[in-house]
Amino acid sequence: MSETPLLSAVALQKTFTVSAQSRSTRLLVALDHVSLHLSSGETLGIAGESGCGKSTLAKIMAALLTPDGGSVLYKGAPLGQLGENERKAFRRKTQMIFQDPFSSLNPRMRIGDSISEPLKIAGMPVPLQRAELTRIMAAVGLQSGDADRFPDEFSGGQRQRIGIARALAASPEILIADEPVSSLDISIQAQIINILLQMKRDFALSMMIVSHNLLILRHICDRIIIMYLGVVVECGPASELFRRCRHPYTEALIAAIPGLHVSSVSRSELLRDDLPSALSIPPGCRFHPRCRHAVDLCRREVPGLVEYAGGHTAACHLSDRLYG
């Protein structure tokens, strides 16, 4: 990579303390030495089943959570070494879109005031605020008259538009979206995805999209990272990942997409049992208890990420044998 990434993570670690019924505590491993980068103008997808650490990663990248180890770098500078003014600038330039936009909106504020809040904080004159509010609302498909309504008067899809509008009002460089369409009907999902694509073009944004839906990520992302139990198991260009994945877990996720028929093997054959608990990480390759190809080496040794052509990486002892 020739230029410094806009946003990157280096060996991020995060655990949570969980109380058991016996009043003892255990550690849940959410992230284990996760590294990634987001280039300027890029859309990066983060995929995996629920419980793989995707949302935790997104919140750390947006500085909403603090990692236990490792660091997040903004334009090459660790966030922990930024001065107060620089940290404030980073928080403004990096905006988060949540799965449930209603929970991030003040139910007592009219949505025009909610969207305009970043403009007021930035000290924009009131006449300019009104003009900018109208422009942003139009960009996400909201009517100017909607500004005087309250969040509970809108549908889920409309509230997600409000969430996107509020994020855009801060004039961000980076949008981090955590499952932005998973709670919406399929027809509404398509509308929100198209809005995100349009926003990327119109506002020159870099985006990180967290989703369990690989088909959505293939449509919207330049690259996709596959996570499993707190680690990255594969990463590559979106088109290449679907054309020639290099990890059995990725193969199983793709095989599970209805109507795609990219594999002659069913998902049930590719993916045994349910996701293990992050409270009890399997030894060796974390995926080996569910992998039909697993051998003794997989049960004993943790595979490292190996780089292949085209910036494609995978962590699988058997990748060359299985995928050539």
C-alpha atoms as a PDB file:
ATOM      1  CA  MET A   1       0.000   0.000   0.000  1.00  0.00           C
ATOM      2  CA  SER A   2       1.710   3.167  -1.192  1.00  0.00           C
ATOM      3  CA  GLU A   3      -0.216   5.876   0.697  1.00  0.00           C
ATOM      4  CA  THR A   4      -1.130   6.227   4.361  1.00  0.00           C
ATOM      5  CA  PRO A   5      -4.647   4.842   5.013  1.00  0.00           C
ATOM      6  CA  LEU A   6      -7.333   7.238   6.131  1.00  0.00           C
ATOM      7  CA  LEU A   7      -8.248   4.976   9.046  1.00  0.00           C
ATOM      8  CA  SER A   8      -6.547   1.817  10.233  1.00  0.00           C
ATOM      9  CA  ALA A   9      -6.457  -0.636  13.121  1.00  0.00           C
ATOM     10  CA  VAL A  10      -3.345  -2.346  14.422  1.00  0.00           C
ATOM     11  CA  ALA A  11      -3.700  -5.531  16.499  1.00  0.00           C
ATOM     12  CA  LEU A  12      -6.919  -4.457  18.234  1.00  0.00           C
ATOM     13  CA  GLN A  13      -7.901  -6.454  21.313  1.00  0.00           C
ATOM     14  CA  LYS A  14     -11.131  -6.214  23.289  1.00  0.00           C
ATOM     15  CA  THR A  15     -12.597  -8.411  26.021  1.00  0.00           C
ATOM     16  CA  PHE A  16     -15.692  -8.036  28.159  1.00  0.00           C
ATOM     17  CA  THR A  17     -16.240  -9.375  31.658  1.00  0.00           C
ATOM     18  CA  VAL A  18     -19.333 -11.576  31.885  1.00  0.00           C
ATOM     19  CA  SER A  19     -20.941 -12.598  35.165  1.00  0.00           C
ATOM     20  CA  ALA A  20     -21.957 -16.248  35.513  1.00  0.00           C
ATOM     21  CA  GLN A  21     -24.808 -17.641  37.614  1.00  0.00           C
ATOM     22  CA  SER A  22     -22.295 -18.843  40.221  1.00  0.00           C
ATOM     23  CA  ARG A  23     -21.247 -15.185  40.691  1.00  0.00           C
ATOM     24  CA  SER A  24     -17.894 -15.946  39.115  1.00  0.00           C
ATOM     25  CA  THR A  25     -16.756 -13.883  36.139  1.00  0.00           C
ATOM     26  CA  ARG A  26     -15.414 -14.950  32.764  1.00  0.00           C
ATOM     27  CA  LEU A  27     -13.807 -13.081  29.905  1.00  0.00           C
ATOM     28  CA  LEU A  28     -15.567 -12.866  26.552  1.00  0.00           C
ATOM     29  CA  VAL A  29     -13.053 -12.338  23.751  1.00  0.00           C
ATOM     30  CA  ALA A  30     -14.631  -9.918  21.269  1.00  0.00           C
ATOM     31  CA  LEU A  31     -11.508  -8.975  19.273  1.00  0.00           C
ATOM     32  CA  ASP A  32      -8.138 -10.720  19.175  1.00  0.00           C
ATOM     33  CA  HIS A  33      -5.357  -8.810  17.359  1.00  0.00           C
ATOM     34  CA  VAL A  34      -7.539  -7.486  14.540  1.00  0.00           C
ATOM     35  CA  SER A  35      -5.818  -5.299  11.943  1.00  0.00           C
ATOM     36  CA  LEU A  36      -7.351  -3.542   8.928  1.00  0.00           C
ATOM     37  CA  HIS A  37      -7.208  -0.343   6.900  1.00  0.00           C
ATOM     38  CA  LEU A  38      -9.675   1.943   5.154  1.00  0.00           C
ATOM     39  CA  SER A  39      -8.323   3.964   2.246  1.00  0.00           C
ATOM     40  CA  SER A  40      -9.619   7.365   1.194  1.00  0.00           C
ATOM     41  CA  GLY A  41     -12.725   6.992  -0.992  1.00  0.00           C
ATOM     42  CA  GLU A  42     -13.056   3.278  -0.244  1.00  0.00           C
ATOM     43  CA  THR A  43     -16.065   1.345   1.040  1.00  0.00           C
ATOM     44  CA  LEU A  44     -15.000  -1.538   3.276  1.00  0.00           C
ATOM     45  CA  GLY A  45     -17.402  -4.287   4.319  1.00  0.00           C
ATOM     46  CA  ILE A  46     -17.167  -6.245   7.588  1.00  0.00           C
ATOM     47  CA  ALA A  47     -19.068  -9.553   7.498  1.00  0.00           C
ATOM     48  CA  GLY A  48     -19.655 -12.565   9.721  1.00  0.00           C
ATOM     49  CA  GLU A  49     -22.290 -14.163  11.911  1.00  0.00           C
ATOM     50  CA  SER A  50     -23.686 -12.454  15.009  1.00  0.00           C
ATOM     51  CA  GLY A  51     -21.131 -12.720  17.811  1.00  0.00           C
ATOM     52  CA  CYS A  52     -18.055 -12.471  15.581  1.00  0.00           C
ATOM     53  CA  GLY A  53     -17.030  -9.035  16.891  1.00  0.00           C
ATOM     54  CA  LYS A  54     -18.185  -6.869  13.971  1.00  0.00           C
ATOM     55  CA  SER A  55     -20.114  -4.275  15.990  1.00  0.00           C
ATOM     56  CA  THR A  56     -17.416  -4.066  18.657  1.00  0.00           C
ATOM     57  CA  LEU A  57     -14.869  -3.388  15.923  1.00  0.00           C
ATOM     58  CA  ALA A  58     -17.052  -0.671  14.377  1.00  0.00           C
ATOM     59  CA  LYS A  59     -17.511   1.116  17.709  1.00  0.00           C
ATOM     60  CA  ILE A  60     -13.782   1.049  18.428  1.00  0.00           C
ATOM     61  CA  MET A  61     -13.017   2.440  14.953  1.00  0.00           C
ATOM     62  CA  ALA A  62     -15.495   5.257  15.643  1.00  0.00           C
ATOM     63  CA  ALA A  63     -13.874   5.916  19.055  1.00  0.00           C
ATOM     64  CA  LEU A  64     -17.081   4.944  20.873  1.00  0.00           C
ATOM     65  CA  LEU A  65     -15.253   2.099  22.656  1.00  0.00           C
ATOM     66  CA  THR A  66     -11.674   1.914  23.879  1.00  0.00           C
ATOM     67  CA  PRO A  67      -9.623  -1.173  22.943  1.00  0.00           C
ATOM     68  CA  ASP A  68      -7.783  -3.177  25.605  1.00  0.00           C
ATOM     69  CA  GLY A  69      -4.789  -3.448  23.296  1.00  0.00           C
ATOM     70  CA  GLY A  70      -3.638  -2.284  19.888  1.00  0.00           C
ATOM     71  CA  SER A  71      -4.462   1.087  18.385  1.00  0.00           C
ATOM     72  CA  VAL A  72      -6.615   2.948  15.878  1.00  0.00           C
ATOM     73  CA  LEU A  73      -4.754   5.316  13.551  1.00  0.00           C
ATOM     74  CA  TYR A  74      -6.271   8.311  11.781  1.00  0.00           C
ATOM     75  CA  LYS A  75      -4.110   9.320   8.819  1.00  0.00           C
ATOM     76  CA  GLY A  76      -1.241   7.434  10.414  1.00  0.00           C
ATOM     77  CA  ALA A  77      -1.512   9.036  13.876  1.00  0.00           C
ATOM     78  CA  PRO A  78      -2.689   6.936  16.860  1.00  0.00           C
ATOM     79  CA  LEU A  79      -5.914   8.324  18.334  1.00  0.00           C
ATOM     80  CA  GLY A  80      -4.432   8.042  21.821  1.00  0.00           C
ATOM     81  CA  GLN A  81      -1.702  10.511  20.893  1.00  0.00           C
ATOM     82  CA  LEU A  82      -3.993  13.166  19.414  1.00  0.00           C
ATOM     83  CA  GLY A  83      -4.527  16.417  21.275  1.00  0.00           C
ATOM     84  CA  GLU A  84      -7.983  17.392  22.542  1.00  0.00           C
ATOM     85  CA  ASN A  85      -8.782  19.548  19.507  1.00  0.00           C
ATOM     86  CA  GLU A  86      -7.598  16.809  17.136  1.00  0.00           C
ATOM     87  CA  ARG A  87      -9.732  14.210  18.933  1.00  0.00           C
ATOM     88  CA  LYS A  88     -12.778  16.462  18.632  1.00  0.00           C
ATOM     89  CA  ALA A  89     -12.063  16.894  14.926  1.00  0.00           C
ATOM     90  CA  PHE A  90     -11.801  13.122  14.510  1.00  0.00           C
ATOM     91  CA  ARG A  91     -15.159  12.564  16.229  1.00  0.00           C
ATOM     92  CA  ARG A  92     -16.745  15.081  13.880  1.00  0.00           C
ATOM     93  CA  LYS A  93     -15.103  13.646  10.780  1.00  0.00           C
ATOM     94  CA  THR A  94     -16.040  10.048  11.713  1.00  0.00           C
ATOM     95  CA  GLN A  95     -19.795   9.530  12.022  1.00  0.00           C
ATOM     96  CA  MET A  96     -21.704   6.395  12.997  1.00  0.00           C
ATOM     97  CA  ILE A  97     -24.997   5.130  11.571  1.00  0.00           C
ATOM     98  CA  PHE A  98     -26.707   2.635  13.868  1.00  0.00           C
ATOM     99  CA  GLN A  99     -28.921  -0.374  13.200  1.00  0.00           C
ATOM    100  CA  ASP A 100     -31.704   1.206  15.277  1.00  0.00           C
ATOM    101  CA  PRO A 101     -31.737   4.925  14.427  1.00  0.00           C
ATOM    102  CA  PHE A 102     -34.644   5.564  16.827  1.00  0.00           C
ATOM    103  CA  SER A 103     -32.408   4.860  19.838  1.00  0.00           C
ATOM    104  CA  SER A 104     -29.905   7.492  18.659  1.00  0.00           C
ATOM    105  CA  LEU A 105     -32.544  10.219  18.208  1.00  0.00           C
ATOM    106  CA  ASN A 106     -33.983  12.346  21.015  1.00  0.00           C
ATOM    107  CA  PRO A 107     -37.721  11.523  20.939  1.00  0.00           C
ATOM    108  CA  ARG A 108     -38.515  15.033  22.245  1.00  0.00           C
ATOM    109  CA  MET A 109     -36.622  16.853  19.503  1.00  0.00           C
ATOM    110  CA  ARG A 110     -38.086  17.611  16.107  1.00  0.00           C
ATOM    111  CA  ILE A 111     -36.005  15.897  13.466  1.00  0.00           C
ATOM    112  CA  GLY A 112     -35.001  19.187  11.874  1.00  0.00           C
ATOM    113  CA  ASP A 113     -33.371  20.180  15.179  1.00  0.00           C
ATOM    114  CA  SER A 114     -31.695  16.768  15.498  1.00  0.00           C
ATOM    115  CA  ILE A 115     -30.220  16.941  12.008  1.00  0.00           C
ATOM    116  CA  SER A 116     -29.162  20.575  12.495  1.00  0.00           C
ATOM    117  CA  GLU A 117     -27.413  19.949  15.825  1.00  0.00           C
ATOM    118  CA  PRO A 118     -23.940  19.374  14.265  1.00  0.00           C
ATOM    119  CA  LEU A 119     -24.396  22.577  12.256  1.00  0.00           C
ATOM    120  CA  LYS A 120     -25.152  24.551  15.432  1.00  0.00           C
ATOM    121  CA  ILE A 121     -22.157  23.035  17.240  1.00  0.00           C
ATOM    122  CA  ALA A 122     -19.963  24.062  14.300  1.00  0.00           C
ATOM    123  CA  GLY A 123     -21.184  27.666  14.718  1.00  0.00           C
ATOM    124  CA  MET A 124     -22.878  27.939  11.327  1.00  0.00           C
ATOM    125  CA  PRO A 125     -25.103  31.059  11.018  1.00  0.00           C
ATOM    126  CA  VAL A 126     -28.821  30.313  11.326  1.00  0.00           C
ATOM    127  CA  PRO A 127     -29.768  31.252   7.712  1.00  0.00           C
ATOM    128  CA  LEU A 128     -27.044  28.911   6.416  1.00  0.00           C
ATOM    129  CA  GLN A 129     -28.208  26.191   8.812  1.00  0.00           C
ATOM    130  CA  ARG A 130     -31.686  26.302   7.297  1.00  0.00           C
ATOM    131  CA  ALA A 131     -30.353  26.117   3.753  1.00  0.00           C
ATOM    132  CA  GLU A 132     -28.009  23.257   4.620  1.00  0.00           C
ATOM    133  CA  LEU A 133     -30.790  21.385   6.441  1.00  0.00           C
ATOM    134  CA  THR A 134     -33.007  21.607   3.357  1.00  0.00           C
ATOM    135  CA  ARG A 135     -30.171  20.394   1.128  1.00  0.00           C
ATOM    136  CA  ILE A 136     -29.268  17.428   3.332  1.00  0.00           C
ATOM    137  CA  MET A 137     -32.882  16.339   3.849  1.00  0.00           C
ATOM    138  CA  ALA A 138     -33.489  16.427   0.093  1.00  0.00           C
ATOM    139  CA  ALA A 139     -30.335  14.381  -0.480  1.00  0.00           C
ATOM    140  CA  VAL A 140     -31.676  11.497   1.656  1.00  0.00           C
ATOM    141  CA  GLY A 141     -35.238  11.688   0.312  1.00  0.00           C
ATOM    142  CA  LEU A 142     -36.929  13.609   3.153  1.00  0.00           C
ATOM    143  CA  GLN A 143     -39.399  16.436   2.561  1.00  0.00           C
ATOM    144  CA  SER A 144     -38.722  19.911   3.961  1.00  0.00           C
ATOM    145  CA  GLY A 145     -41.979  19.729   5.947  1.00  0.00           C
ATOM    146  CA  ASP A 146     -40.676  16.666   7.784  1.00  0.00           C
ATOM    147  CA  ALA A 147     -38.333  18.905   9.795  1.00  0.00           C
ATOM    148  CA  ASP A 148     -41.162  19.812  12.222  1.00  0.00           C
ATOM    149  CA  ARG A 149     -42.136  16.209  12.987  1.00  0.00           C
ATOM    150  CA  PHE A 150     -40.927  13.960  15.816  1.00  0.00           C
ATOM    151  CA  PRO A 151     -39.052  10.620  15.409  1.00  0.00           C
ATOM    152  CA  ASP A 152     -42.031   8.448  16.417  1.00  0.00           C
ATOM    153  CA  GLU A 153     -44.010   9.829  13.461  1.00  0.00           C
ATOM    154  CA  PHE A 154     -41.709   8.112  10.959  1.00  0.00           C
ATOM    155  CA  SER A 155     -41.309   4.549   9.699  1.00  0.00           C
ATOM    156  CA  GLY A 156     -38.112   2.558  10.245  1.00  0.00           C
ATOM    157  CA  GLY A 157     -36.835   3.349   6.775  1.00  0.00           C
ATOM    158  CA  GLN A 158     -37.534   7.068   7.199  1.00  0.00           C
ATOM    159  CA  ARG A 159     -35.787   7.085  10.570  1.00  0.00           C
ATOM    160  CA  GLN A 160     -32.728   5.521   8.950  1.00  0.00           C
ATOM    161  CA  ARG A 161     -32.769   8.361   6.411  1.00  0.00           C
ATOM    162  CA  ILE A 162     -32.846  10.781   9.357  1.00  0.00           C
ATOM    163  CA  GLY A 163     -29.860   9.017  10.902  1.00  0.00           C
ATOM    164  CA  ILE A 164     -27.913   9.299   7.649  1.00  0.00           C
ATOM    165  CA  ALA A 165     -28.873  12.978   7.308  1.00  0.00           C
ATOM    166  CA  ARG A 166     -27.682  13.739  10.827  1.00  0.00           C
ATOM    167  CA  ALA A 167     -24.359  12.030  10.148  1.00  0.00           C
ATOM    168  CA  LEU A 168     -23.927  13.996   6.905  1.00  0.00           C
ATOM    169  CA  ALA A 169     -24.622  17.305   8.674  1.00  0.00           C
ATOM    170  CA  ALA A 170     -21.268  16.953  10.462  1.00  0.00           C
ATOM    171  CA  SER A 171     -19.473  17.047   7.067  1.00  0.00           C
ATOM    172  CA  PRO A 172     -17.676  13.751   7.781  1.00  0.00           C
ATOM    173  CA  GLU A 173     -14.856  12.091   5.900  1.00  0.00           C
ATOM    174  CA  ILE A 174     -15.831   8.642   7.186  1.00  0.00           C
ATOM    175  CA  LEU A 175     -19.193   6.950   7.711  1.00  0.00           C
ATOM    176  CA  ILE A 176     -19.276   3.783   9.813  1.00  0.00           C
ATOM    177  CA  ALA A 177     -22.599   1.969   9.488  1.00  0.00           C
ATOM    178  CA  ASP A 178     -23.471  -0.906  11.839  1.00  0.00           C
ATOM    179  CA  GLU A 179     -26.090  -3.170  10.203  1.00  0.00           C
ATOM    180  CA  PRO A 180     -27.818  -0.130   8.659  1.00  0.00           C
ATOM    181  CA  VAL A 181     -30.553  -2.097   6.843  1.00  0.00           C
ATOM    182  CA  SER A 182     -30.957  -5.393   8.721  1.00  0.00           C
ATOM    183  CA  SER A 183     -34.154  -4.326  10.511  1.00  0.00           C
ATOM    184  CA  LEU A 184     -35.828  -3.030   7.324  1.00  0.00           C
ATOM    185  CA  ASP A 185     -38.025  -4.646   4.670  1.00  0.00           C
ATOM    186  CA  ILE A 186     -36.200  -5.772   1.536  1.00  0.00           C
ATOM    187  CA  SER A 187     -37.667  -3.001  -0.625  1.00  0.00           C
ATOM    188  CA  ILE A 188     -36.642  -0.368   1.943  1.00  0.00           C
ATOM    189  CA  GLN A 189     -33.179  -1.933   2.238  1.00  0.00           C
ATOM    190  CA  ALA A 190     -32.589  -1.279  -1.458  1.00  0.00           C
ATOM    191  CA  GLN A 191     -33.589   2.378  -1.043  1.00  0.00           C
ATOM    192  CA  ILE A 192     -31.193   2.906   1.881  1.00  0.00           C
ATOM    193  CA  ILE A 193     -28.343   1.152   0.054  1.00  0.00           C
ATOM    194  CA  ASN A 194     -28.881   3.392  -2.971  1.00  0.00           C
ATOM    195  CA  ILE A 195     -28.837   6.448  -0.700  1.00  0.00           C
ATOM    196  CA  LEU A 196     -25.512   5.340   0.798  1.00  0.00           C
ATOM    197  CA  LEU A 197     -24.049   4.833  -2.663  1.00  0.00           C
ATOM    198  CA  GLN A 198     -25.267   8.259  -3.747  1.00  0.00           C
ATOM    199  CA  MET A 199     -23.877   9.848  -0.573  1.00  0.00           C
ATOM    200  CA  LYS A 200     -20.475   8.320  -1.238  1.00  0.00           C
ATOM    201  CA  ARG A 201     -20.428   9.933  -4.687  1.00  0.00           C
ATOM    202  CA  ASP A 202     -21.914  13.299  -3.724  1.00  0.00           C
ATOM    203  CA  PHE A 203     -20.012  13.849  -0.466  1.00  0.00           C
ATOM    204  CA  ALA A 204     -16.705  12.074  -1.305  1.00  0.00           C
ATOM    205  CA  LEU A 205     -17.044   9.746   1.670  1.00  0.00           C
ATOM    206  CA  SER A 206     -15.070   6.735   2.827  1.00  0.00           C
ATOM    207  CA  MET A 207     -17.328   4.114   4.405  1.00  0.00           C
ATOM    208  CA  MET A 208     -17.146   1.060   6.619  1.00  0.00           C
ATOM    209  CA  ILE A 209     -20.292  -1.090   6.447  1.00  0.00           C
ATOM    210  CA  VAL A 210     -20.953  -3.843   9.004  1.00  0.00           C
ATOM    211  CA  SER A 211     -23.436  -6.489   7.884  1.00  0.00           C
ATOM    212  CA  HIS A 212     -24.190 -10.196   8.110  1.00  0.00           C
ATOM    213  CA  ASN A 213     -25.576  -9.939   4.559  1.00  0.00           C
ATOM    214  CA  LEU A 214     -22.753 -10.644   2.111  1.00  0.00           C
ATOM    215  CA  LEU A 215     -24.926  -9.952  -0.927  1.00  0.00           C
ATOM    216  CA  ILE A 216     -25.487  -6.361   0.218  1.00  0.00           C
ATOM    217  CA  LEU A 217     -21.767  -5.945   0.853  1.00  0.00           C
ATOM    218  CA  ARG A 218     -20.890  -7.272  -2.601  1.00  0.00           C
ATOM    219  CA  HIS A 219     -23.144  -4.607  -4.121  1.00  0.00           C
ATOM    220  CA  ILE A 220     -21.854  -1.653  -2.113  1.00  0.00           C
ATOM    221  CA  CYS A 221     -18.251  -2.428  -1.077  1.00  0.00           C
ATOM    222  CA  ASP A 222     -14.832  -2.342  -2.720  1.00  0.00           C
ATOM    223  CA  ARG A 223     -13.327  -4.835  -0.270  1.00  0.00           C
ATOM    224  CA  ILE A 224     -14.825  -7.233   2.283  1.00  0.00           C
ATOM    225  CA  ILE A 225     -13.348  -8.515   5.542  1.00  0.00           C
ATOM    226  CA  ILE A 226     -14.681 -11.795   6.952  1.00  0.00           C
ATOM    227  CA  MET A 227     -14.572 -12.138  10.746  1.00  0.00           C
ATOM    228  CA  TYR A 228     -14.985 -15.247  12.860  1.00  0.00           C
ATOM    229  CA  LEU A 229     -14.940 -15.330  16.675  1.00  0.00           C
ATOM    230  CA  GLY A 230     -13.000 -12.103  17.017  1.00  0.00           C
ATOM    231  CA  VAL A 231     -10.403 -12.608  14.289  1.00  0.00           C
ATOM    232  CA  VAL A 232     -10.089 -11.833  10.572  1.00  0.00           C
ATOM    233  CA  VAL A 233     -10.133 -15.058   8.532  1.00  0.00           C
ATOM    234  CA  GLU A 234     -10.269 -13.566   5.038  1.00  0.00           C
ATOM    235  CA  CYS A 235     -10.098 -10.226   3.250  1.00  0.00           C
ATOM    236  CA  GLY A 236     -10.183  -9.321  -0.422  1.00  0.00           C
ATOM    237  CA  PRO A 237     -11.813  -7.339  -3.213  1.00  0.00           C
ATOM    238  CA  ALA A 238     -15.577  -7.935  -3.159  1.00  0.00           C
ATOM    239  CA  SER A 239     -15.718  -9.398  -6.678  1.00  0.00           C
ATOM    240  CA  GLU A 240     -12.715 -11.670  -6.042  1.00  0.00           C
ATOM    241  CA  LEU A 241     -14.150 -12.943  -2.771  1.00  0.00           C
ATOM    242  CA  PHE A 242     -17.249 -14.194  -4.555  1.00  0.00           C
ATOM    243  CA  ARG A 243     -15.353 -15.485  -7.571  1.00  0.00           C
ATOM    244  CA  ARG A 244     -12.714 -17.350  -5.601  1.00  0.00           C
ATOM    245  CA  CYS A 245     -12.890 -17.315  -1.815  1.00  0.00           C
ATOM    246  CA  ARG A 246      -9.989 -18.887   0.096  1.00  0.00           C
ATOM    247  CA  HIS A 247     -11.524 -19.905   3.439  1.00  0.00           C
ATOM    248  CA  PRO A 248     -14.174 -22.578   4.200  1.00  0.00           C
ATOM    249  CA  TYR A 249     -16.085 -20.139   6.428  1.00  0.00           C
ATOM    250  CA  THR A 250     -16.404 -17.612   3.606  1.00  0.00           C
ATOM    251  CA  GLU A 251     -17.465 -20.424   1.278  1.00  0.00           C
ATOM    252  CA  ALA A 252     -20.217 -21.409   3.736  1.00  0.00           C
ATOM    253  CA  LEU A 253     -21.473 -17.826   4.091  1.00  0.00           C
ATOM    254  CA  ILE A 254     -21.668 -17.422   0.323  1.00  0.00           C
ATOM    255  CA  ALA A 255     -23.386 -20.810  -0.070  1.00  0.00           C
ATOM    256  CA  ALA A 256     -26.053 -19.646   2.382  1.00  0.00           C
ATOM    257  CA  ILE A 257     -27.157 -16.765   0.140  1.00  0.00           C
ATOM    258  CA  PRO A 258     -30.584 -17.704  -1.312  1.00  0.00           C
ATOM    259  CA  GLY A 259     -30.677 -18.137  -5.077  1.00  0.00           C
ATOM    260  CA  LEU A 260     -26.963 -17.563  -5.658  1.00  0.00           C
ATOM    261  CA  HIS A 261     -26.025 -21.244  -6.273  1.00  0.00           C
ATOM    262  CA  VAL A 262     -22.286 -20.628  -6.405  1.00  0.00           C
ATOM    263  CA  SER A 263     -21.455 -23.949  -4.730  1.00  0.00           C
ATOM    264  CA  SER A 264     -22.641 -27.482  -5.366  1.00  0.00           C
ATOM    265  CA  VAL A 265     -22.301 -28.160  -1.628  1.00  0.00           C
ATOM    266  CA  SER A 266     -25.072 -27.075   0.741  1.00  0.00           C
ATOM    267  CA  ARG A 267     -24.550 -24.702   3.627  1.00  0.00           C
ATOM    268  CA  SER A 268     -25.340 -27.468   6.133  1.00  0.00           C
ATOM    269  CA  GLU A 269     -22.515 -29.559   4.697  1.00  0.00           C
ATOM    270  CA  LEU A 270     -20.106 -26.618   4.733  1.00  0.00           C
ATOM    271  CA  LEU A 271     -20.999 -25.255   8.169  1.00  0.00           C
ATOM    272  CA  ARG A 272     -21.485 -27.693  11.027  1.00  0.00           C
ATOM    273  CA  ASP A 273     -23.340 -26.756  14.218  1.00  0.00           C
ATOM    274  CA  ASP A 274     -23.737 -23.237  15.622  1.00  0.00           C
ATOM    275  CA  LEU A 275     -21.168 -20.563  16.342  1.00  0.00           C
ATOM    276  CA  PRO A 276     -19.198 -21.506  19.510  1.00  0.00           C
ATOM    277  CA  SER A 277     -19.277 -19.158  22.473  1.00  0.00           C
ATOM    278  CA  ALA A 278     -16.664 -16.409  22.587  1.00  0.00           C
ATOM    279  CA  LEU A 279     -16.316 -17.369  26.271  1.00  0.00           C
ATOM    280  CA  SER A 280     -14.622 -20.593  25.204  1.00  0.00           C
ATOM    281  CA  ILE A 281     -12.461 -20.098  22.109  1.00  0.00           C
ATOM    282  CA  PRO A 282     -11.427 -23.403  20.442  1.00  0.00           C
ATOM    283  CA  PRO A 283      -7.675 -24.097  20.221  1.00  0.00           C
ATOM    284  CA  GLY A 284      -5.864 -23.943  16.886  1.00  0.00           C
ATOM    285  CA  CYS A 285      -8.001 -22.637  14.050  1.00  0.00           C
ATOM    286  CA  ARG A 286     -11.154 -21.253  15.660  1.00  0.00           C
ATOM    287  CA  PHE A 287     -13.257 -22.533  12.802  1.00  0.00           C
ATOM    288  CA  HIS A 288     -12.080 -26.164  12.982  1.00  0.00           C
ATOM    289  CA  PRO A 289     -15.022 -27.541  15.075  1.00  0.00           C
ATOM    290  CA  ARG A 290     -17.400 -26.530  12.254  1.00  0.00           C
ATOM    291  CA  CYS A 291     -15.156 -27.261   9.268  1.00  0.00           C
ATOM    292  CA  ARG A 292     -15.615 -30.486   7.310  1.00  0.00           C
ATOM    293  CA  HIS A 293     -12.040 -30.235   6.018  1.00  0.00           C
ATOM    294  CA  ALA A 294     -10.321 -29.906   9.423  1.00  0.00           C
ATOM    295  CA  VAL A 295      -7.217 -32.005  10.087  1.00  0.00           C
ATOM    296  CA  ASP A 296      -4.997 -32.392  13.168  1.00  0.00           C
ATOM    297  CA  LEU A 297      -2.934 -29.350  12.182  1.00  0.00           C
ATOM    298  CA  CYS A 298      -6.093 -27.212  12.264  1.00  0.00           C
ATOM    299  CA  ARG A 299      -6.852 -28.387  15.805  1.00  0.00           C
ATOM    300  CA  ARG A 300      -3.337 -27.652  17.065  1.00  0.00           C
ATOM    301  CA  GLU A 301      -2.026 -24.510  15.366  1.00  0.00           C
ATOM    302  CA  VAL A 302      -3.487 -21.061  14.769  1.00  0.00           C
ATOM    303  CA  PRO A 303      -3.218 -20.206  11.051  1.00  0.00           C
ATOM    304  CA  GLY A 304      -1.699 -16.866  10.126  1.00  0.00           C
ATOM    305  CA  LEU A 305      -3.044 -14.559   7.423  1.00  0.00           C
ATOM    306  CA  VAL A 306      -1.354 -15.406   4.114  1.00  0.00           C
ATOM    307  CA  GLU A 307      -1.322 -12.878   1.276  1.00  0.00           C
ATOM    308  CA  TYR A 308      -2.317 -13.963  -2.221  1.00  0.00           C
ATOM    309  CA  ALA A 309      -2.467 -12.061  -5.502  1.00  0.00           C
ATOM    310  CA  GLY A 310      -4.568  -8.903  -5.731  1.00  0.00           C
ATOM    311  CA  GLY A 311      -4.440  -8.018  -2.036  1.00  0.00           C
ATOM    312  CA  HIS A 312      -6.402 -11.139  -1.078  1.00  0.00           C
ATOM    313  CA  THR A 313      -5.536 -12.629   2.345  1.00  0.00           C
ATOM    314  CA  ALA A 314      -6.803 -15.704   4.186  1.00  0.00           C
ATOM    315  CA  ALA A 315      -6.012 -17.567   7.413  1.00  0.00           C
ATOM    316  CA  CYS A 316      -6.449 -21.263   6.581  1.00  0.00           C
ATOM    317  CA  HIS A 317      -3.905 -24.083   6.751  1.00  0.00           C
ATOM    318  CA  LEU A 318      -5.634 -25.814   3.827  1.00  0.00           C
ATOM    319  CA  SER A 319      -6.365 -22.845   1.561  1.00  0.00           C
ATOM    320  CA  ASP A 320      -3.951 -23.845  -1.225  1.00  0.00           C
ATOM    321  CA  ARG A 321      -5.150 -27.439  -1.220  1.00  0.00           C
ATOM    322  CA  LEU A 322      -8.853 -26.532  -1.227  1.00  0.00           C
ATOM    323  CA  TYR A 323      -8.884 -23.516  -3.535  1.00  0.00           C
ATOM    324  CA  GLY A 324      -5.712 -23.845  -5.608  1.00  0.00           C
END
